[in-house]
Amino acid sequence: MITGDAMARPLLDELDARRDDYDISTLFAVSSSAVLFSATCKDALLDYFPNLVITDAIGSSESGANGVAMVSKGAAMQGGPTVNPAADAVVLDDDLRRIGPGTGQIGRLARFGNVPIGYHKDPEKTAATFVTGPDGVRYVIPGDFAQIEADGSITLLGRGSVSINTGGEKVFPEEVENTLKAHPAVFDATVVGVPDERWGERVVAVVQARPGVDIDLEDVQAHCRKHIAGYKLPRQLVIVDAIVRSPAGKPDYRWAKTTAVEALA
């Protein structure tokens, strides 16, 4: 079990540097959840272990598991993974109605059935997260945005609380981070929105570069433009010695935003 790139990337770097020092013959399965597991790291693991079984799961403490996917090399990512949903996982619109497959509409990932009663001694947060829809069904909605593909699979797009509104368009940091991490000079990255007089917010990449490697904005933008829409491109770079994450490996977006704002002031 790993927490995405936060664990996969240093493990891969260690293998690149000292492959012959380890017996890796018994590794046959890797499962990731909780944070972004980029396509770059998945493909690199499959280069080392062609027969490795990799699964990417989505879920939350409130909802439990919402879906899982078997990973194949070269699989595209729109942000988070595209998974086979749990039987009671759905995507709801703003009116708490279920979104059908293949509409392209973005909604909020939810789950019904065996869900918790609520948060301990926090009625306000409970009321916001555990809701009853117009169909009379009680749902838990932790805050992740997603969409249902035509085949019924669910694509996780990102956390609504950290999405960036730039010029009226919503940008999910995970999609930009996934693209950035495919750049050979980038070791780690966190993407945030900083205030912008014209656009409301502008996309800024806080980047930890690989040791001894130079990185510049134009090169990063040219790389990203091959994979994501122009309005999602980082408009500025902030280079840091290390990306701050929680002990579980989750990105600290509050730290990243404060760092970006202070660096660009």
C-alpha atoms as a PDB file:
ATOM      1  CA  MET A   1       0.000   0.000   0.000  1.00  0.00           C
ATOM      2  CA  ILE A   2       1.315   3.432  -0.939  1.00  0.00           C
ATOM      3  CA  THR A   3       0.004   6.990  -0.978  1.00  0.00           C
ATOM      4  CA  GLY A   4       0.550   7.865  -4.623  1.00  0.00           C
ATOM      5  CA  ASP A   5       3.544   9.834  -5.823  1.00  0.00           C
ATOM      6  CA  ALA A   6       4.486  10.874  -2.292  1.00  0.00           C
ATOM      7  CA  MET A   7       5.824   7.343  -1.810  1.00  0.00           C
ATOM      8  CA  ALA A   8       6.183   6.056  -5.370  1.00  0.00           C
ATOM      9  CA  ARG A   9       8.560   8.743  -6.634  1.00  0.00           C
ATOM     10  CA  PRO A  10      11.248   8.356  -3.928  1.00  0.00           C
ATOM     11  CA  LEU A  11      11.001   4.580  -4.240  1.00  0.00           C
ATOM     12  CA  LEU A  12      11.524   4.824  -7.994  1.00  0.00           C
ATOM     13  CA  ASP A  13      14.468   7.183  -7.551  1.00  0.00           C
ATOM     14  CA  GLU A  14      16.055   4.697  -5.162  1.00  0.00           C
ATOM     15  CA  LEU A  15      15.567   1.900  -7.691  1.00  0.00           C
ATOM     16  CA  ASP A  16      17.089   4.062 -10.426  1.00  0.00           C
ATOM     17  CA  ALA A  17      20.150   4.693  -8.280  1.00  0.00           C
ATOM     18  CA  ARG A  18      20.641   1.306  -6.606  1.00  0.00           C
ATOM     19  CA  ARG A  19      18.604  -1.295  -8.466  1.00  0.00           C
ATOM     20  CA  ASP A  20      21.141  -4.097  -7.935  1.00  0.00           C
ATOM     21  CA  ASP A  21      21.112  -3.610  -4.150  1.00  0.00           C
ATOM     22  CA  TYR A  22      17.567  -4.946  -3.776  1.00  0.00           C
ATOM     23  CA  ASP A  23      15.782  -8.223  -4.301  1.00  0.00           C
ATOM     24  CA  ILE A  24      12.483  -7.138  -5.819  1.00  0.00           C
ATOM     25  CA  SER A  25      11.478 -10.553  -7.137  1.00  0.00           C
ATOM     26  CA  THR A  26       8.614 -10.986  -4.652  1.00  0.00           C
ATOM     27  CA  LEU A  27       6.846  -7.683  -5.351  1.00  0.00           C
ATOM     28  CA  PHE A  28       3.703  -8.464  -7.300  1.00  0.00           C
ATOM     29  CA  ALA A  29       1.046  -5.936  -6.234  1.00  0.00           C
ATOM     30  CA  VAL A  30       0.904  -2.227  -5.411  1.00  0.00           C
ATOM     31  CA  SER A  31      -2.228  -0.359  -4.362  1.00  0.00           C
ATOM     32  CA  SER A  32      -2.542   3.399  -4.008  1.00  0.00           C
ATOM     33  CA  SER A  33      -5.179   5.676  -2.540  1.00  0.00           C
ATOM     34  CA  ALA A  34      -5.666   9.056  -0.821  1.00  0.00           C
ATOM     35  CA  VAL A  35      -3.470  11.230  -3.084  1.00  0.00           C
ATOM     36  CA  LEU A  36      -2.478  11.693  -6.726  1.00  0.00           C
ATOM     37  CA  PHE A  37      -0.740   8.685  -8.276  1.00  0.00           C
ATOM     38  CA  SER A  38       0.535  10.149 -11.540  1.00  0.00           C
ATOM     39  CA  ALA A  39       0.623   8.338 -14.854  1.00  0.00           C
ATOM     40  CA  THR A  40       4.381   8.944 -14.966  1.00  0.00           C
ATOM     41  CA  CYS A  41       5.011   7.008 -11.754  1.00  0.00           C
ATOM     42  CA  LYS A  42       2.622   4.221 -12.730  1.00  0.00           C
ATOM     43  CA  ASP A  43       4.366   3.748 -16.063  1.00  0.00           C
ATOM     44  CA  ALA A  44       7.797   3.809 -14.417  1.00  0.00           C
ATOM     45  CA  LEU A  45       6.746   1.083 -11.966  1.00  0.00           C
ATOM     46  CA  LEU A  46       5.477  -1.043 -14.847  1.00  0.00           C
ATOM     47  CA  ASP A  47       8.821  -0.557 -16.620  1.00  0.00           C
ATOM     48  CA  TYR A  48      10.528  -2.158 -13.608  1.00  0.00           C
ATOM     49  CA  PHE A  49       7.771  -4.718 -13.019  1.00  0.00           C
ATOM     50  CA  PRO A  50       5.969  -5.591 -16.276  1.00  0.00           C
ATOM     51  CA  ASN A  51       3.743  -8.115 -14.488  1.00  0.00           C
ATOM     52  CA  LEU A  52       2.971  -5.906 -11.508  1.00  0.00           C
ATOM     53  CA  VAL A  53      -0.682  -5.605 -10.511  1.00  0.00           C
ATOM     54  CA  ILE A  54      -1.347  -1.926  -9.769  1.00  0.00           C
ATOM     55  CA  THR A  55      -4.670  -0.724  -8.408  1.00  0.00           C
ATOM     56  CA  ASP A  56      -5.726   2.867  -7.892  1.00  0.00           C
ATOM     57  CA  ALA A  57      -8.591   3.397  -5.453  1.00  0.00           C
ATOM     58  CA  ILE A  58     -10.730   6.401  -4.554  1.00  0.00           C
ATOM     59  CA  GLY A  59     -12.624   7.035  -1.343  1.00  0.00           C
ATOM     60  CA  SER A  60     -12.644   9.000   1.861  1.00  0.00           C
ATOM     61  CA  SER A  61     -12.874   8.522   5.607  1.00  0.00           C
ATOM     62  CA  GLU A  62     -16.550   9.544   5.468  1.00  0.00           C
ATOM     63  CA  SER A  63     -17.641   7.375   2.545  1.00  0.00           C
ATOM     64  CA  GLY A  64     -15.267   4.440   2.555  1.00  0.00           C
ATOM     65  CA  ALA A  65     -14.241   3.041  -0.836  1.00  0.00           C
ATOM     66  CA  ASN A  66     -15.947   4.613  -3.844  1.00  0.00           C
ATOM     67  CA  GLY A  67     -14.211   2.711  -6.625  1.00  0.00           C
ATOM     68  CA  VAL A  68     -11.083   0.972  -7.838  1.00  0.00           C
ATOM     69  CA  ALA A  69      -9.220   0.586 -11.128  1.00  0.00           C
ATOM     70  CA  MET A  70      -6.613  -1.799 -12.452  1.00  0.00           C
ATOM     71  CA  VAL A  71      -3.785   0.248 -13.965  1.00  0.00           C
ATOM     72  CA  SER A  72      -2.354  -0.422 -17.395  1.00  0.00           C
ATOM     73  CA  LYS A  73       0.660   1.280 -18.944  1.00  0.00           C
ATOM     74  CA  GLY A  74      -0.040   4.436 -20.915  1.00  0.00           C
ATOM     75  CA  ALA A  75      -3.516   4.970 -19.460  1.00  0.00           C
ATOM     76  CA  ALA A  76      -4.574   8.620 -19.710  1.00  0.00           C
ATOM     77  CA  MET A  77      -5.567  10.590 -16.616  1.00  0.00           C
ATOM     78  CA  GLN A  78      -7.822  13.648 -16.473  1.00  0.00           C
ATOM     79  CA  GLY A  79      -6.867  14.450 -12.911  1.00  0.00           C
ATOM     80  CA  GLY A  80      -7.511  11.537 -10.646  1.00  0.00           C
ATOM     81  CA  PRO A  81      -8.105   7.974 -11.789  1.00  0.00           C
ATOM     82  CA  THR A  82     -11.050   6.589 -13.742  1.00  0.00           C
ATOM     83  CA  VAL A  83     -12.435   3.722 -11.668  1.00  0.00           C
ATOM     84  CA  ASN A  84     -15.097   1.065 -11.614  1.00  0.00           C
ATOM     85  CA  PRO A  85     -17.490   2.502  -9.025  1.00  0.00           C
ATOM     86  CA  ALA A  86     -18.734   0.806  -5.902  1.00  0.00           C
ATOM     87  CA  ALA A  87     -22.345  -0.300  -6.203  1.00  0.00           C
ATOM     88  CA  ASP A  88     -23.627   2.640  -4.146  1.00  0.00           C
ATOM     89  CA  ALA A  89     -21.296   5.365  -5.476  1.00  0.00           C
ATOM     90  CA  VAL A  90     -22.931   8.097  -7.575  1.00  0.00           C
ATOM     91  CA  VAL A  91     -22.289  11.612  -8.872  1.00  0.00           C
ATOM     92  CA  LEU A  92     -24.809  14.300  -7.891  1.00  0.00           C
ATOM     93  CA  ASP A  93     -25.568  17.673  -9.464  1.00  0.00           C
ATOM     94  CA  ASP A  94     -26.146  20.896  -7.507  1.00  0.00           C
ATOM     95  CA  ASP A  95     -29.761  19.839  -6.853  1.00  0.00           C
ATOM     96  CA  LEU A  96     -28.596  16.499  -5.397  1.00  0.00           C
ATOM     97  CA  ARG A  97     -29.945  14.588  -8.390  1.00  0.00           C
ATOM     98  CA  ARG A  98     -27.952  11.722  -9.864  1.00  0.00           C
ATOM     99  CA  ILE A  99     -26.068  12.478 -13.070  1.00  0.00           C
ATOM    100  CA  GLY A 100     -26.359   9.891 -15.826  1.00  0.00           C
ATOM    101  CA  PRO A 101     -23.468   8.312 -17.751  1.00  0.00           C
ATOM    102  CA  GLY A 102     -21.859  10.093 -20.667  1.00  0.00           C
ATOM    103  CA  THR A 103     -23.347  13.556 -20.137  1.00  0.00           C
ATOM    104  CA  GLY A 104     -19.978  15.199 -19.521  1.00  0.00           C
ATOM    105  CA  GLN A 105     -21.515  17.047 -16.593  1.00  0.00           C
ATOM    106  CA  ILE A 106     -19.311  17.582 -13.562  1.00  0.00           C
ATOM    107  CA  GLY A 107     -20.835  16.894 -10.173  1.00  0.00           C
ATOM    108  CA  ARG A 108     -19.944  15.833  -6.676  1.00  0.00           C
ATOM    109  CA  LEU A 109     -18.974  12.290  -5.804  1.00  0.00           C
ATOM    110  CA  ALA A 110     -21.384  10.788  -3.267  1.00  0.00           C
ATOM    111  CA  ARG A 111     -22.300   7.506  -1.672  1.00  0.00           C
ATOM    112  CA  PHE A 112     -25.486   6.136  -0.145  1.00  0.00           C
ATOM    113  CA  GLY A 113     -26.355   2.978   1.781  1.00  0.00           C
ATOM    114  CA  ASN A 114     -24.122   2.187   4.760  1.00  0.00           C
ATOM    115  CA  VAL A 115     -22.851   5.682   5.529  1.00  0.00           C
ATOM    116  CA  PRO A 116     -21.895   7.187   8.909  1.00  0.00           C
ATOM    117  CA  ILE A 117     -24.326   8.995  11.161  1.00  0.00           C
ATOM    118  CA  GLY A 118     -22.154  12.121  11.103  1.00  0.00           C
ATOM    119  CA  TYR A 119     -19.162  13.858  12.631  1.00  0.00           C
ATOM    120  CA  HIS A 120     -18.687  13.582  16.375  1.00  0.00           C
ATOM    121  CA  LYS A 121     -20.038  16.697  18.112  1.00  0.00           C
ATOM    122  CA  ASP A 122     -20.028  18.742  14.879  1.00  0.00           C
ATOM    123  CA  PRO A 123     -23.631  19.243  13.750  1.00  0.00           C
ATOM    124  CA  GLU A 124     -22.797  21.988  11.234  1.00  0.00           C
ATOM    125  CA  LYS A 125     -20.247  19.896   9.357  1.00  0.00           C
ATOM    126  CA  THR A 126     -22.560  16.890   9.574  1.00  0.00           C
ATOM    127  CA  ALA A 127     -25.424  18.861   8.010  1.00  0.00           C
ATOM    128  CA  ALA A 128     -23.180  19.999   5.147  1.00  0.00           C
ATOM    129  CA  THR A 129     -21.713  16.571   4.374  1.00  0.00           C
ATOM    130  CA  PHE A 130     -24.550  14.147   5.107  1.00  0.00           C
ATOM    131  CA  VAL A 131     -27.594  15.243   3.101  1.00  0.00           C
ATOM    132  CA  THR A 132     -30.907  13.852   1.899  1.00  0.00           C
ATOM    133  CA  GLY A 133     -31.667  14.235  -1.792  1.00  0.00           C
ATOM    134  CA  PRO A 134     -35.023  14.868  -3.472  1.00  0.00           C
ATOM    135  CA  ASP A 135     -35.289  11.103  -3.958  1.00  0.00           C
ATOM    136  CA  GLY A 136     -35.400  10.662  -0.170  1.00  0.00           C
ATOM    137  CA  VAL A 137     -32.007   8.939  -0.126  1.00  0.00           C
ATOM    138  CA  ARG A 138     -29.383   9.973   2.420  1.00  0.00           C
ATOM    139  CA  TYR A 139     -25.978  10.659   0.870  1.00  0.00           C
ATOM    140  CA  VAL A 140     -22.493  11.427   2.140  1.00  0.00           C
ATOM    141  CA  ILE A 141     -20.712  14.053   0.000  1.00  0.00           C
ATOM    142  CA  PRO A 142     -17.090  14.539   1.148  1.00  0.00           C
ATOM    143  CA  GLY A 143     -16.306  17.256  -1.443  1.00  0.00           C
ATOM    144  CA  ASP A 144     -14.677  15.550  -4.434  1.00  0.00           C
ATOM    145  CA  PHE A 145     -15.746  16.520  -7.945  1.00  0.00           C
ATOM    146  CA  ALA A 146     -16.188  13.803 -10.545  1.00  0.00           C
ATOM    147  CA  GLN A 147     -17.989  12.835 -13.727  1.00  0.00           C
ATOM    148  CA  ILE A 148     -19.537   9.620 -15.027  1.00  0.00           C
ATOM    149  CA  GLU A 149     -18.179   8.283 -18.298  1.00  0.00           C
ATOM    150  CA  ALA A 150     -20.374   6.698 -20.973  1.00  0.00           C
ATOM    151  CA  ASP A 151     -19.500   3.188 -19.760  1.00  0.00           C
ATOM    152  CA  GLY A 152     -20.536   3.995 -16.173  1.00  0.00           C
ATOM    153  CA  SER A 153     -17.028   4.391 -14.793  1.00  0.00           C
ATOM    154  CA  ILE A 154     -16.292   7.406 -12.587  1.00  0.00           C
ATOM    155  CA  THR A 155     -13.443   9.852 -13.179  1.00  0.00           C
ATOM    156  CA  LEU A 156     -12.256  11.673 -10.075  1.00  0.00           C
ATOM    157  CA  LEU A 157     -11.379  15.273 -10.939  1.00  0.00           C
ATOM    158  CA  GLY A 158     -10.319  16.734  -7.622  1.00  0.00           C
ATOM    159  CA  ARG A 159     -11.296  18.333  -4.360  1.00  0.00           C
ATOM    160  CA  GLY A 160     -13.712  21.211  -4.717  1.00  0.00           C
ATOM    161  CA  SER A 161     -12.148  23.137  -1.853  1.00  0.00           C
ATOM    162  CA  VAL A 162      -8.833  23.525  -3.742  1.00  0.00           C
ATOM    163  CA  SER A 163     -10.166  24.000  -7.276  1.00  0.00           C
ATOM    164  CA  ILE A 164      -9.039  27.195  -9.018  1.00  0.00           C
ATOM    165  CA  ASN A 165     -11.511  29.593 -10.646  1.00  0.00           C
ATOM    166  CA  THR A 166      -9.669  31.429 -13.405  1.00  0.00           C
ATOM    167  CA  GLY A 167     -11.674  33.579 -15.785  1.00  0.00           C
ATOM    168  CA  GLY A 168     -14.825  31.672 -14.913  1.00  0.00           C
ATOM    169  CA  GLU A 169     -13.268  28.286 -15.695  1.00  0.00           C
ATOM    170  CA  LYS A 170     -12.689  25.666 -13.016  1.00  0.00           C
ATOM    171  CA  VAL A 171      -9.204  24.133 -12.872  1.00  0.00           C
ATOM    172  CA  PHE A 172      -8.548  21.087 -10.690  1.00  0.00           C
ATOM    173  CA  PRO A 173      -4.974  21.117  -9.346  1.00  0.00           C
ATOM    174  CA  GLU A 174      -4.571  17.342  -9.656  1.00  0.00           C
ATOM    175  CA  GLU A 175      -4.821  17.455 -13.461  1.00  0.00           C
ATOM    176  CA  VAL A 176      -2.108  20.105 -13.724  1.00  0.00           C
ATOM    177  CA  GLU A 177       0.055  18.338 -11.125  1.00  0.00           C
ATOM    178  CA  ASN A 178      -0.225  15.063 -13.041  1.00  0.00           C
ATOM    179  CA  THR A 179       1.057  16.832 -16.158  1.00  0.00           C
ATOM    180  CA  LEU A 180       3.840  18.668 -14.328  1.00  0.00           C
ATOM    181  CA  LYS A 181       5.167  15.464 -12.808  1.00  0.00           C
ATOM    182  CA  ALA A 182       5.773  14.064 -16.272  1.00  0.00           C
ATOM    183  CA  HIS A 183       8.336  16.828 -16.867  1.00  0.00           C
ATOM    184  CA  PRO A 184      11.856  15.394 -16.444  1.00  0.00           C
ATOM    185  CA  ALA A 185      13.020  18.332 -14.309  1.00  0.00           C
ATOM    186  CA  VAL A 186      10.136  18.138 -11.817  1.00  0.00           C
ATOM    187  CA  PHE A 187      10.457  15.985  -8.708  1.00  0.00           C
ATOM    188  CA  ASP A 188       7.249  17.142  -7.023  1.00  0.00           C
ATOM    189  CA  ALA A 189       4.659  19.878  -7.502  1.00  0.00           C
ATOM    190  CA  THR A 190       1.588  21.428  -5.931  1.00  0.00           C
ATOM    191  CA  VAL A 191      -0.704  23.699  -7.944  1.00  0.00           C
ATOM    192  CA  VAL A 192      -2.709  26.542  -6.394  1.00  0.00           C
ATOM    193  CA  GLY A 193      -4.651  29.633  -7.387  1.00  0.00           C
ATOM    194  CA  VAL A 194      -3.457  33.054  -6.300  1.00  0.00           C
ATOM    195  CA  PRO A 195      -5.520  36.259  -6.509  1.00  0.00           C
ATOM    196  CA  ASP A 196      -5.509  37.964  -9.900  1.00  0.00           C
ATOM    197  CA  GLU A 197      -7.209  41.296 -10.671  1.00  0.00           C
ATOM    198  CA  ARG A 198      -8.207  40.272 -14.193  1.00  0.00           C
ATOM    199  CA  TRP A 199      -8.950  36.552 -13.929  1.00  0.00           C
ATOM    200  CA  GLY A 200      -9.997  36.233 -10.293  1.00  0.00           C
ATOM    201  CA  GLU A 201      -7.303  33.632  -9.757  1.00  0.00           C
ATOM    202  CA  ARG A 202      -4.307  32.558 -11.782  1.00  0.00           C
ATOM    203  CA  VAL A 203      -2.741  29.111 -11.821  1.00  0.00           C
ATOM    204  CA  VAL A 204       0.623  28.918 -10.049  1.00  0.00           C
ATOM    205  CA  ALA A 205       2.853  25.861  -9.765  1.00  0.00           C
ATOM    206  CA  VAL A 206       4.933  25.397  -6.619  1.00  0.00           C
ATOM    207  CA  VAL A 207       7.680  23.073  -7.809  1.00  0.00           C
ATOM    208  CA  GLN A 208      10.459  21.045  -6.270  1.00  0.00           C
ATOM    209  CA  ALA A 209      12.987  20.545  -9.045  1.00  0.00           C
ATOM    210  CA  ARG A 210      15.267  17.564  -9.340  1.00  0.00           C
ATOM    211  CA  PRO A 211      18.744  18.194  -7.866  1.00  0.00           C
ATOM    212  CA  GLY A 212      21.075  20.062 -10.185  1.00  0.00           C
ATOM    213  CA  VAL A 213      18.428  20.622 -12.863  1.00  0.00           C
ATOM    214  CA  ASP A 214      17.322  24.034 -14.096  1.00  0.00           C
ATOM    215  CA  ILE A 215      13.646  24.640 -14.824  1.00  0.00           C
ATOM    216  CA  ASP A 216      11.882  27.654 -16.326  1.00  0.00           C
ATOM    217  CA  LEU A 217       8.303  28.703 -16.958  1.00  0.00           C
ATOM    218  CA  GLU A 218       8.364  28.652 -20.768  1.00  0.00           C
ATOM    219  CA  ASP A 219       9.677  25.102 -20.846  1.00  0.00           C
ATOM    220  CA  VAL A 220       7.063  23.966 -18.327  1.00  0.00           C
ATOM    221  CA  GLN A 221       4.267  25.647 -20.262  1.00  0.00           C
ATOM    222  CA  ALA A 222       5.390  24.072 -23.535  1.00  0.00           C
ATOM    223  CA  HIS A 223       5.366  20.662 -21.864  1.00  0.00           C
ATOM    224  CA  CYS A 224       1.946  21.154 -20.264  1.00  0.00           C
ATOM    225  CA  ARG A 225       0.385  22.540 -23.449  1.00  0.00           C
ATOM    226  CA  LYS A 226       0.761  19.104 -25.043  1.00  0.00           C
ATOM    227  CA  HIS A 227      -1.540  17.557 -22.432  1.00  0.00           C
ATOM    228  CA  ILE A 228      -3.965  20.127 -21.008  1.00  0.00           C
ATOM    229  CA  ALA A 229      -5.988  23.109 -22.196  1.00  0.00           C
ATOM    230  CA  GLY A 230      -4.297  26.497 -22.386  1.00  0.00           C
ATOM    231  CA  TYR A 231      -6.312  28.090 -19.590  1.00  0.00           C
ATOM    232  CA  LYS A 232      -5.026  25.402 -17.203  1.00  0.00           C
ATOM    233  CA  LEU A 233      -1.344  26.186 -17.795  1.00  0.00           C
ATOM    234  CA  PRO A 234       0.696  27.493 -14.851  1.00  0.00           C
ATOM    235  CA  ARG A 235       1.156  31.244 -15.296  1.00  0.00           C
ATOM    236  CA  GLN A 236       3.981  31.416 -12.784  1.00  0.00           C
ATOM    237  CA  LEU A 237       6.464  29.087 -11.111  1.00  0.00           C
ATOM    238  CA  VAL A 238       7.632  29.151  -7.515  1.00  0.00           C
ATOM    239  CA  ILE A 239      10.672  26.949  -6.909  1.00  0.00           C
ATOM    240  CA  VAL A 240      11.063  25.498  -3.403  1.00  0.00           C
ATOM    241  CA  ASP A 241      13.571  23.198  -1.734  1.00  0.00           C
ATOM    242  CA  ALA A 242      10.880  20.676  -0.786  1.00  0.00           C
ATOM    243  CA  ILE A 243       7.119  20.298  -1.165  1.00  0.00           C
ATOM    244  CA  VAL A 244       5.356  20.179   2.201  1.00  0.00           C
ATOM    245  CA  ARG A 245       2.969  17.263   2.683  1.00  0.00           C
ATOM    246  CA  SER A 246       1.072  15.785   5.608  1.00  0.00           C
ATOM    247  CA  PRO A 247       2.476  12.698   7.372  1.00  0.00           C
ATOM    248  CA  ALA A 248       0.066  10.665   5.192  1.00  0.00           C
ATOM    249  CA  GLY A 249       1.564  12.153   2.021  1.00  0.00           C
ATOM    250  CA  LYS A 250      -1.294  14.505   1.162  1.00  0.00           C
ATOM    251  CA  PRO A 251      -0.330  17.880  -0.325  1.00  0.00           C
ATOM    252  CA  ASP A 252      -0.564  20.869   1.980  1.00  0.00           C
ATOM    253  CA  TYR A 253      -2.424  23.302  -0.281  1.00  0.00           C
ATOM    254  CA  ARG A 254      -2.638  25.946   2.443  1.00  0.00           C
ATOM    255  CA  TRP A 255       1.155  25.989   2.756  1.00  0.00           C
ATOM    256  CA  ALA A 256       1.561  26.015  -1.032  1.00  0.00           C
ATOM    257  CA  LYS A 257      -0.811  28.959  -1.468  1.00  0.00           C
ATOM    258  CA  THR A 258       0.844  30.971   1.300  1.00  0.00           C
ATOM    259  CA  THR A 259       4.258  30.202  -0.184  1.00  0.00           C
ATOM    260  CA  ALA A 260       3.148  31.243  -3.664  1.00  0.00           C
ATOM    261  CA  VAL A 261       1.496  34.468  -2.525  1.00  0.00           C
ATOM    262  CA  GLU A 262       4.525  35.494  -0.454  1.00  0.00           C
ATOM    263  CA  ALA A 263       7.002  34.624  -3.226  1.00  0.00           C
ATOM    264  CA  LEU A 264       5.094  36.558  -5.874  1.00  0.00           C
ATOM    265  CA  ALA A 265       4.244  39.606  -3.745  1.00  0.00           C
END
